[in-house]
Amino acid sequence: MPRNTILRRTTVLRSISDPLSATREDVEAWWDSRADRSPATRSNDLACLRGYYRWCKRWEHRDDDPTERLDAPKVAKGLPRPISKPDLRHLLDTLPPDLRRAVCLGAYAGLRVSEAAALRWDDIDTETNVLRIMDSKGGKSRLVKVSPMLIDELLPIAGGSVVAGGGECATAAQLQRRMNRAIQAAGVDATFHQLRHRYGTVAYQATGDLLAVGRQMGHASPVTTAVYAQASDDVAAKIAAAVVR
């Protein structure tokens, strides 16, 4: 399980006084106390707590689930916000070599920050230009075909960590913190994940193939990839041109 997920679940459990012995009323009072949080945060918190109580029931620490009467809020699926081409170019021109390699992996291979941090040269077939990625969410591996240009951007081959240019890999949290500070210092209003959004948006616009794009990005369901179809403006542009004729 990714370290960030463990930390998140630990934080949620600590927000409840004695979760193992909490009554249904205690849990419902905890839920009411989080009413001012965003739907996405509340939904995630409830999922963490439910997972804990499922574990408790399975191993007979409890025989009930005090969250069963709670309803998760509906979370609207937002459209992807890909980083702009000028901002991407600016980052590539100004960041140090290790962070530049990380940006390339996000923008040109669609990797999550945790996947970029963990990537080693042993995971790259430089003859076929294929990355072997261990999916940070599902625990499954996938093969990602990339451009020879990306391989050139990652060189030289130093063994060990691709991003660091050799040696041990940084953790996802360490790379995320460095990227956030560097992107902000560069004057770019974006996040690392928006590099991945750019990859998904451009890939779908080029192919129109949800399944292929989803496989490359490691999505568990085509529903996840479908946001890139919504963001595609090809059909919208045709409509806009047609209605003024």
C-alpha atoms as a PDB file:
ATOM      1  CA  MET A   1       0.000   0.000   0.000  1.00  0.00           C
ATOM      2  CA  PRO A   2       1.405   3.469  -0.885  1.00  0.00           C
ATOM      3  CA  ARG A   3       2.818   5.412   2.077  1.00  0.00           C
ATOM      4  CA  ASN A   4       0.533   8.387   1.428  1.00  0.00           C
ATOM      5  CA  THR A   5      -2.530   6.115   1.666  1.00  0.00           C
ATOM      6  CA  ILE A   6      -1.322   4.739   5.000  1.00  0.00           C
ATOM      7  CA  LEU A   7      -0.765   8.257   6.335  1.00  0.00           C
ATOM      8  CA  ARG A   8      -4.209   9.360   5.174  1.00  0.00           C
ATOM      9  CA  ARG A   9      -5.955   6.426   6.837  1.00  0.00           C
ATOM     10  CA  THR A  10      -3.984   6.937  10.029  1.00  0.00           C
ATOM     11  CA  THR A  11      -5.033  10.596  10.126  1.00  0.00           C
ATOM     12  CA  VAL A  12      -8.704   9.674   9.733  1.00  0.00           C
ATOM     13  CA  LEU A  13      -8.571   7.062  12.504  1.00  0.00           C
ATOM     14  CA  ARG A  14      -6.863   9.510  14.840  1.00  0.00           C
ATOM     15  CA  SER A  15      -9.650  12.021  14.254  1.00  0.00           C
ATOM     16  CA  ILE A  16     -12.026   9.669  16.116  1.00  0.00           C
ATOM     17  CA  SER A  17     -11.600   9.031  19.830  1.00  0.00           C
ATOM     18  CA  ASP A  18     -10.963   5.282  20.303  1.00  0.00           C
ATOM     19  CA  PRO A  19     -12.311   4.078  16.902  1.00  0.00           C
ATOM     20  CA  LEU A  20     -12.197   0.415  17.954  1.00  0.00           C
ATOM     21  CA  SER A  21     -14.764   0.999  20.705  1.00  0.00           C
ATOM     22  CA  ALA A  22     -16.682   3.870  19.070  1.00  0.00           C
ATOM     23  CA  THR A  23     -20.457   3.515  19.067  1.00  0.00           C
ATOM     24  CA  ARG A  24     -22.704   4.309  16.124  1.00  0.00           C
ATOM     25  CA  GLU A  25     -23.605   7.581  17.844  1.00  0.00           C
ATOM     26  CA  ASP A  26     -19.906   8.447  18.255  1.00  0.00           C
ATOM     27  CA  VAL A  27     -19.236   7.836  14.583  1.00  0.00           C
ATOM     28  CA  GLU A  28     -22.302   9.798  13.471  1.00  0.00           C
ATOM     29  CA  ALA A  29     -21.224  12.720  15.693  1.00  0.00           C
ATOM     30  CA  TRP A  30     -17.762  12.524  14.056  1.00  0.00           C
ATOM     31  CA  TRP A  31     -19.441  12.609  10.632  1.00  0.00           C
ATOM     32  CA  ASP A  32     -21.514  15.665  11.569  1.00  0.00           C
ATOM     33  CA  SER A  33     -18.363  17.451  12.781  1.00  0.00           C
ATOM     34  CA  ARG A  34     -16.907  17.193   9.247  1.00  0.00           C
ATOM     35  CA  ALA A  35     -19.886  18.781   7.506  1.00  0.00           C
ATOM     36  CA  ASP A  36     -17.851  21.866   6.585  1.00  0.00           C
ATOM     37  CA  ARG A  37     -15.333  19.860   4.553  1.00  0.00           C
ATOM     38  CA  SER A  38     -15.497  19.378   0.802  1.00  0.00           C
ATOM     39  CA  PRO A  39     -17.546  16.450  -0.579  1.00  0.00           C
ATOM     40  CA  ALA A  40     -14.374  14.827  -1.924  1.00  0.00           C
ATOM     41  CA  THR A  41     -12.637  15.006   1.471  1.00  0.00           C
ATOM     42  CA  ARG A  42     -15.675  13.683   3.342  1.00  0.00           C
ATOM     43  CA  SER A  43     -16.141  10.856   0.841  1.00  0.00           C
ATOM     44  CA  ASN A  44     -12.504   9.858   1.171  1.00  0.00           C
ATOM     45  CA  ASP A  45     -12.632  10.019   4.988  1.00  0.00           C
ATOM     46  CA  LEU A  46     -15.727   7.830   5.105  1.00  0.00           C
ATOM     47  CA  ALA A  47     -14.142   5.300   2.745  1.00  0.00           C
ATOM     48  CA  CYS A  48     -11.084   5.108   5.022  1.00  0.00           C
ATOM     49  CA  LEU A  49     -13.222   4.555   8.109  1.00  0.00           C
ATOM     50  CA  ARG A  50     -15.416   1.955   6.415  1.00  0.00           C
ATOM     51  CA  GLY A  51     -12.332   0.071   5.320  1.00  0.00           C
ATOM     52  CA  TYR A  52     -11.157  -0.011   8.927  1.00  0.00           C
ATOM     53  CA  TYR A  53     -14.469  -1.397  10.204  1.00  0.00           C
ATOM     54  CA  ARG A  54     -14.561  -4.028   7.454  1.00  0.00           C
ATOM     55  CA  TRP A  55     -11.157  -5.149   8.698  1.00  0.00           C
ATOM     56  CA  CYS A  56     -12.480  -5.191  12.293  1.00  0.00           C
ATOM     57  CA  LYS A  57     -15.426  -7.407  11.330  1.00  0.00           C
ATOM     58  CA  ARG A  58     -13.287  -9.767   9.280  1.00  0.00           C
ATOM     59  CA  TRP A  59     -10.892 -10.387  12.162  1.00  0.00           C
ATOM     60  CA  GLU A  60     -13.691 -10.424  14.776  1.00  0.00           C
ATOM     61  CA  HIS A  61     -12.596  -7.306  16.646  1.00  0.00           C
ATOM     62  CA  ARG A  62     -16.157  -6.031  16.182  1.00  0.00           C
ATOM     63  CA  ASP A  63     -19.377  -7.586  14.961  1.00  0.00           C
ATOM     64  CA  ASP A  64     -20.911  -4.392  13.589  1.00  0.00           C
ATOM     65  CA  ASP A  65     -20.131  -1.501  11.283  1.00  0.00           C
ATOM     66  CA  PRO A  66     -21.033   1.835  12.917  1.00  0.00           C
ATOM     67  CA  THR A  67     -20.767   3.632   9.554  1.00  0.00           C
ATOM     68  CA  GLU A  68     -23.537   1.662   7.837  1.00  0.00           C
ATOM     69  CA  ARG A  69     -26.159   4.409   8.183  1.00  0.00           C
ATOM     70  CA  LEU A  70     -23.884   7.110   6.786  1.00  0.00           C
ATOM     71  CA  ASP A  71     -24.244   8.162   3.149  1.00  0.00           C
ATOM     72  CA  ALA A  72     -21.193   9.356   1.258  1.00  0.00           C
ATOM     73  CA  PRO A  73     -21.718  12.720  -0.462  1.00  0.00           C
ATOM     74  CA  LYS A  74     -21.827  12.790  -4.217  1.00  0.00           C
ATOM     75  CA  VAL A  75     -18.561  14.010  -5.674  1.00  0.00           C
ATOM     76  CA  ALA A  76     -18.780  15.745  -9.024  1.00  0.00           C
ATOM     77  CA  LYS A  77     -16.187  14.515 -11.478  1.00  0.00           C
ATOM     78  CA  GLY A  78     -14.185  17.523 -12.593  1.00  0.00           C
ATOM     79  CA  LEU A  79     -12.695  17.910 -16.021  1.00  0.00           C
ATOM     80  CA  PRO A  80      -8.930  17.488 -16.306  1.00  0.00           C
ATOM     81  CA  ARG A  81      -6.871  20.667 -16.227  1.00  0.00           C
ATOM     82  CA  PRO A  82      -3.794  19.935 -18.337  1.00  0.00           C
ATOM     83  CA  ILE A  83      -0.751  22.128 -17.947  1.00  0.00           C
ATOM     84  CA  SER A  84      -0.357  24.496 -20.878  1.00  0.00           C
ATOM     85  CA  LYS A  85       2.354  23.979 -23.468  1.00  0.00           C
ATOM     86  CA  PRO A  86       4.124  27.281 -22.601  1.00  0.00           C
ATOM     87  CA  ASP A  87       4.135  26.402 -18.881  1.00  0.00           C
ATOM     88  CA  LEU A  88       5.465  22.924 -19.629  1.00  0.00           C
ATOM     89  CA  ARG A  89       8.207  24.406 -21.805  1.00  0.00           C
ATOM     90  CA  HIS A  90       9.081  26.887 -19.066  1.00  0.00           C
ATOM     91  CA  LEU A  91       9.462  24.111 -16.487  1.00  0.00           C
ATOM     92  CA  LEU A  92      11.661  22.076 -18.808  1.00  0.00           C
ATOM     93  CA  ASP A  93      13.841  25.131 -19.402  1.00  0.00           C
ATOM     94  CA  THR A  94      14.257  26.123 -15.742  1.00  0.00           C
ATOM     95  CA  LEU A  95      14.123  23.056 -13.469  1.00  0.00           C
ATOM     96  CA  PRO A  96      17.235  21.129 -12.378  1.00  0.00           C
ATOM     97  CA  PRO A  97      17.999  17.874 -14.246  1.00  0.00           C
ATOM     98  CA  ASP A  98      16.346  15.472 -11.786  1.00  0.00           C
ATOM     99  CA  LEU A  99      13.081  17.410 -11.613  1.00  0.00           C
ATOM    100  CA  ARG A 100      13.205  17.945 -15.368  1.00  0.00           C
ATOM    101  CA  ARG A 101      13.280  14.164 -15.818  1.00  0.00           C
ATOM    102  CA  ALA A 102      10.311  13.846 -13.468  1.00  0.00           C
ATOM    103  CA  VAL A 103       8.361  16.426 -15.495  1.00  0.00           C
ATOM    104  CA  CYS A 104       9.118  14.508 -18.696  1.00  0.00           C
ATOM    105  CA  LEU A 105       7.803  11.280 -17.162  1.00  0.00           C
ATOM    106  CA  GLY A 106       4.584  12.999 -16.146  1.00  0.00           C
ATOM    107  CA  ALA A 107       3.997  14.885 -19.392  1.00  0.00           C
ATOM    108  CA  TYR A 108       5.302  12.379 -21.947  1.00  0.00           C
ATOM    109  CA  ALA A 109       4.555   9.033 -20.251  1.00  0.00           C
ATOM    110  CA  GLY A 110       1.542   9.967 -18.120  1.00  0.00           C
ATOM    111  CA  LEU A 111       3.108   8.691 -14.897  1.00  0.00           C
ATOM    112  CA  ARG A 112       1.816   9.529 -11.440  1.00  0.00           C
ATOM    113  CA  VAL A 113       4.357  11.210  -9.163  1.00  0.00           C
ATOM    114  CA  SER A 114       4.711   7.982  -7.148  1.00  0.00           C
ATOM    115  CA  GLU A 115       5.412   6.015 -10.348  1.00  0.00           C
ATOM    116  CA  ALA A 116       7.998   8.536 -11.541  1.00  0.00           C
ATOM    117  CA  ALA A 117       9.712   8.475  -8.146  1.00  0.00           C
ATOM    118  CA  ALA A 118       9.925   4.666  -8.128  1.00  0.00           C
ATOM    119  CA  LEU A 119      11.067   4.204 -11.735  1.00  0.00           C
ATOM    120  CA  ARG A 120      14.485   2.545 -12.126  1.00  0.00           C
ATOM    121  CA  TRP A 121      16.592   2.000 -15.234  1.00  0.00           C
ATOM    122  CA  ASP A 122      15.984  -1.726 -14.848  1.00  0.00           C
ATOM    123  CA  ASP A 123      12.338  -0.939 -15.652  1.00  0.00           C
ATOM    124  CA  ILE A 124      13.146   0.579 -19.062  1.00  0.00           C
ATOM    125  CA  ASP A 125      13.701  -1.363 -22.272  1.00  0.00           C
ATOM    126  CA  THR A 126      15.695   1.119 -24.333  1.00  0.00           C
ATOM    127  CA  GLU A 127      15.507  -1.064 -27.462  1.00  0.00           C
ATOM    128  CA  THR A 128      11.707  -1.091 -27.631  1.00  0.00           C
ATOM    129  CA  ASN A 129      11.143   2.205 -25.741  1.00  0.00           C
ATOM    130  CA  VAL A 130       8.871   0.572 -23.172  1.00  0.00           C
ATOM    131  CA  LEU A 131       8.578   1.382 -19.465  1.00  0.00           C
ATOM    132  CA  ARG A 132       7.467  -1.303 -17.010  1.00  0.00           C
ATOM    133  CA  ILE A 133       5.425   0.506 -14.378  1.00  0.00           C
ATOM    134  CA  MET A 134       4.198  -0.885 -11.087  1.00  0.00           C
ATOM    135  CA  ASP A 135       0.778   0.719 -10.656  1.00  0.00           C
ATOM    136  CA  SER A 136       0.849   2.620  -7.366  1.00  0.00           C
ATOM    137  CA  LYS A 137      -2.921   2.256  -6.915  1.00  0.00           C
ATOM    138  CA  GLY A 138      -3.786  -1.240  -8.039  1.00  0.00           C
ATOM    139  CA  GLY A 139      -0.504  -3.010  -7.355  1.00  0.00           C
ATOM    140  CA  LYS A 140      -0.402  -4.346 -10.936  1.00  0.00           C
ATOM    141  CA  SER A 141       2.295  -3.742 -13.501  1.00  0.00           C
ATOM    142  CA  ARG A 142       1.709  -2.260 -16.943  1.00  0.00           C
ATOM    143  CA  LEU A 143       3.816  -1.562 -19.998  1.00  0.00           C
ATOM    144  CA  VAL A 144       3.912   2.013 -21.276  1.00  0.00           C
ATOM    145  CA  LYS A 145       5.150   2.671 -24.797  1.00  0.00           C
ATOM    146  CA  VAL A 146       7.017   5.966 -25.036  1.00  0.00           C
ATOM    147  CA  SER A 147       8.726   8.060 -27.664  1.00  0.00           C
ATOM    148  CA  PRO A 148      12.485   7.708 -28.265  1.00  0.00           C
ATOM    149  CA  MET A 149      12.571  11.438 -27.525  1.00  0.00           C
ATOM    150  CA  LEU A 150      11.571  10.730 -23.932  1.00  0.00           C
ATOM    151  CA  ILE A 151      14.313   8.133 -23.542  1.00  0.00           C
ATOM    152  CA  ASP A 152      16.812  10.729 -24.793  1.00  0.00           C
ATOM    153  CA  GLU A 153      15.527  13.196 -22.188  1.00  0.00           C
ATOM    154  CA  LEU A 154      16.141  10.653 -19.417  1.00  0.00           C
ATOM    155  CA  LEU A 155      19.729   9.810 -20.386  1.00  0.00           C
ATOM    156  CA  PRO A 156      22.431   9.097 -19.365  1.00  0.00           C
ATOM    157  CA  ILE A 157      21.774   5.577 -18.080  1.00  0.00           C
ATOM    158  CA  ALA A 158      23.278   5.608 -14.596  1.00  0.00           C
ATOM    159  CA  GLY A 159      21.516   2.624 -13.054  1.00  0.00           C
ATOM    160  CA  GLY A 160      19.227   2.947 -10.069  1.00  0.00           C
ATOM    161  CA  SER A 161      16.732   5.783  -9.951  1.00  0.00           C
ATOM    162  CA  VAL A 162      15.809   7.348 -13.300  1.00  0.00           C
ATOM    163  CA  VAL A 163      14.715  10.668 -11.805  1.00  0.00           C
ATOM    164  CA  ALA A 164      17.693  11.012  -9.458  1.00  0.00           C
ATOM    165  CA  GLY A 165      20.126   9.993 -12.173  1.00  0.00           C
ATOM    166  CA  GLY A 166      21.323   6.933 -10.264  1.00  0.00           C
ATOM    167  CA  GLY A 167      21.301   5.659  -6.711  1.00  0.00           C
ATOM    168  CA  GLU A 168      18.253   5.112  -4.537  1.00  0.00           C
ATOM    169  CA  CYS A 169      14.777   6.297  -5.459  1.00  0.00           C
ATOM    170  CA  ALA A 170      13.125   9.097  -3.524  1.00  0.00           C
ATOM    171  CA  THR A 171       9.743   8.454  -1.970  1.00  0.00           C
ATOM    172  CA  ALA A 172       6.633   9.789  -3.656  1.00  0.00           C
ATOM    173  CA  ALA A 173       6.147  12.292  -0.826  1.00  0.00           C
ATOM    174  CA  GLN A 174       9.722  13.583  -1.141  1.00  0.00           C
ATOM    175  CA  LEU A 175       9.439  14.061  -4.898  1.00  0.00           C
ATOM    176  CA  GLN A 176       5.986  15.636  -4.572  1.00  0.00           C
ATOM    177  CA  ARG A 177       7.246  18.206  -2.051  1.00  0.00           C
ATOM    178  CA  ARG A 178      10.254  19.131  -4.200  1.00  0.00           C
ATOM    179  CA  MET A 179       8.102  19.396  -7.329  1.00  0.00           C
ATOM    180  CA  ASN A 180       5.513  21.587  -5.601  1.00  0.00           C
ATOM    181  CA  ARG A 181       8.170  24.006  -4.373  1.00  0.00           C
ATOM    182  CA  ALA A 182       9.991  24.055  -7.720  1.00  0.00           C
ATOM    183  CA  ILE A 183       6.843  24.600  -9.790  1.00  0.00           C
ATOM    184  CA  GLN A 184       5.769  27.428  -7.507  1.00  0.00           C
ATOM    185  CA  ALA A 185       9.241  28.992  -7.605  1.00  0.00           C
ATOM    186  CA  ALA A 186       9.132  28.868 -11.409  1.00  0.00           C
ATOM    187  CA  GLY A 187       5.973  30.993 -11.340  1.00  0.00           C
ATOM    188  CA  VAL A 188       3.766  28.268 -12.830  1.00  0.00           C
ATOM    189  CA  ASP A 189       0.260  27.755 -11.468  1.00  0.00           C
ATOM    190  CA  ALA A 190       0.073  23.978 -11.852  1.00  0.00           C
ATOM    191  CA  THR A 191       0.633  20.660 -10.110  1.00  0.00           C
ATOM    192  CA  PHE A 192       2.531  17.527 -11.111  1.00  0.00           C
ATOM    193  CA  HIS A 193      -0.774  15.761 -11.735  1.00  0.00           C
ATOM    194  CA  GLN A 194      -1.624  18.310 -14.418  1.00  0.00           C
ATOM    195  CA  LEU A 195       1.302  16.915 -16.417  1.00  0.00           C
ATOM    196  CA  ARG A 196      -0.538  13.589 -16.396  1.00  0.00           C
ATOM    197  CA  HIS A 197      -3.728  15.409 -17.399  1.00  0.00           C
ATOM    198  CA  ARG A 198      -1.904  16.827 -20.396  1.00  0.00           C
ATOM    199  CA  TYR A 199      -0.754  13.360 -21.405  1.00  0.00           C
ATOM    200  CA  GLY A 200      -4.281  11.933 -21.155  1.00  0.00           C
ATOM    201  CA  THR A 201      -5.881  14.832 -23.029  1.00  0.00           C
ATOM    202  CA  VAL A 202      -3.355  14.838 -25.886  1.00  0.00           C
ATOM    203  CA  ALA A 203      -3.363  11.024 -26.115  1.00  0.00           C
ATOM    204  CA  TYR A 204      -7.148  10.858 -26.435  1.00  0.00           C
ATOM    205  CA  GLN A 205      -7.315  13.695 -28.957  1.00  0.00           C
ATOM    206  CA  ALA A 206      -4.714  11.906 -31.081  1.00  0.00           C
ATOM    207  CA  THR A 207      -6.380   8.474 -30.991  1.00  0.00           C
ATOM    208  CA  GLY A 208      -9.976   8.677 -29.789  1.00  0.00           C
ATOM    209  CA  ASP A 209      -9.285   5.299 -28.143  1.00  0.00           C
ATOM    210  CA  LEU A 210     -10.385   5.276 -24.490  1.00  0.00           C
ATOM    211  CA  LEU A 211      -9.225   1.719 -23.845  1.00  0.00           C
ATOM    212  CA  ALA A 212      -5.726   2.248 -25.209  1.00  0.00           C
ATOM    213  CA  VAL A 213      -5.257   5.527 -23.343  1.00  0.00           C
ATOM    214  CA  GLY A 214      -6.596   3.948 -20.158  1.00  0.00           C
ATOM    215  CA  ARG A 215      -4.157   1.044 -20.440  1.00  0.00           C
ATOM    216  CA  GLN A 216      -1.239   3.409 -20.906  1.00  0.00           C
ATOM    217  CA  MET A 217      -2.293   5.462 -17.876  1.00  0.00           C
ATOM    218  CA  GLY A 218      -3.092   2.504 -15.641  1.00  0.00           C
ATOM    219  CA  HIS A 219      -6.794   3.255 -15.193  1.00  0.00           C
ATOM    220  CA  ALA A 220      -8.851   0.461 -13.662  1.00  0.00           C
ATOM    221  CA  SER A 221     -11.976   1.473 -15.593  1.00  0.00           C
ATOM    222  CA  PRO A 222     -12.748   3.250 -18.895  1.00  0.00           C
ATOM    223  CA  VAL A 223     -15.040   5.499 -16.834  1.00  0.00           C
ATOM    224  CA  THR A 224     -11.927   7.130 -15.377  1.00  0.00           C
ATOM    225  CA  THR A 225     -10.444   7.727 -18.818  1.00  0.00           C
ATOM    226  CA  ALA A 226     -13.739   9.122 -20.110  1.00  0.00           C
ATOM    227  CA  VAL A 227     -13.003  12.528 -18.548  1.00  0.00           C
ATOM    228  CA  TYR A 228     -10.426  13.040 -21.294  1.00  0.00           C
ATOM    229  CA  ALA A 229     -13.098  12.425 -23.908  1.00  0.00           C
ATOM    230  CA  GLN A 230     -15.234  15.097 -22.241  1.00  0.00           C
ATOM    231  CA  ALA A 231     -12.305  17.483 -22.327  1.00  0.00           C
ATOM    232  CA  SER A 232     -11.658  16.885 -26.020  1.00  0.00           C
ATOM    233  CA  ASP A 233     -12.801  19.885 -28.034  1.00  0.00           C
ATOM    234  CA  ASP A 234     -12.718  18.298 -31.500  1.00  0.00           C
ATOM    235  CA  VAL A 235     -16.469  17.701 -31.733  1.00  0.00           C
ATOM    236  CA  ALA A 236     -17.269  20.976 -29.996  1.00  0.00           C
ATOM    237  CA  ALA A 237     -15.165  22.832 -32.567  1.00  0.00           C
ATOM    238  CA  LYS A 238     -17.085  21.148 -35.405  1.00  0.00           C
ATOM    239  CA  ILE A 239     -20.404  22.151 -33.813  1.00  0.00           C
ATOM    240  CA  ALA A 240     -19.240  25.732 -33.343  1.00  0.00           C
ATOM    241  CA  ALA A 241     -18.168  25.923 -36.987  1.00  0.00           C
ATOM    242  CA  ALA A 242     -21.375  24.292 -38.280  1.00  0.00           C
ATOM    243  CA  VAL A 243     -23.889  26.508 -36.492  1.00  0.00           C
ATOM    244  CA  VAL A 244     -22.570  29.717 -38.063  1.00  0.00           C
ATOM    245  CA  ARG A 245     -22.688  28.466 -41.620  1.00  0.00           C
END
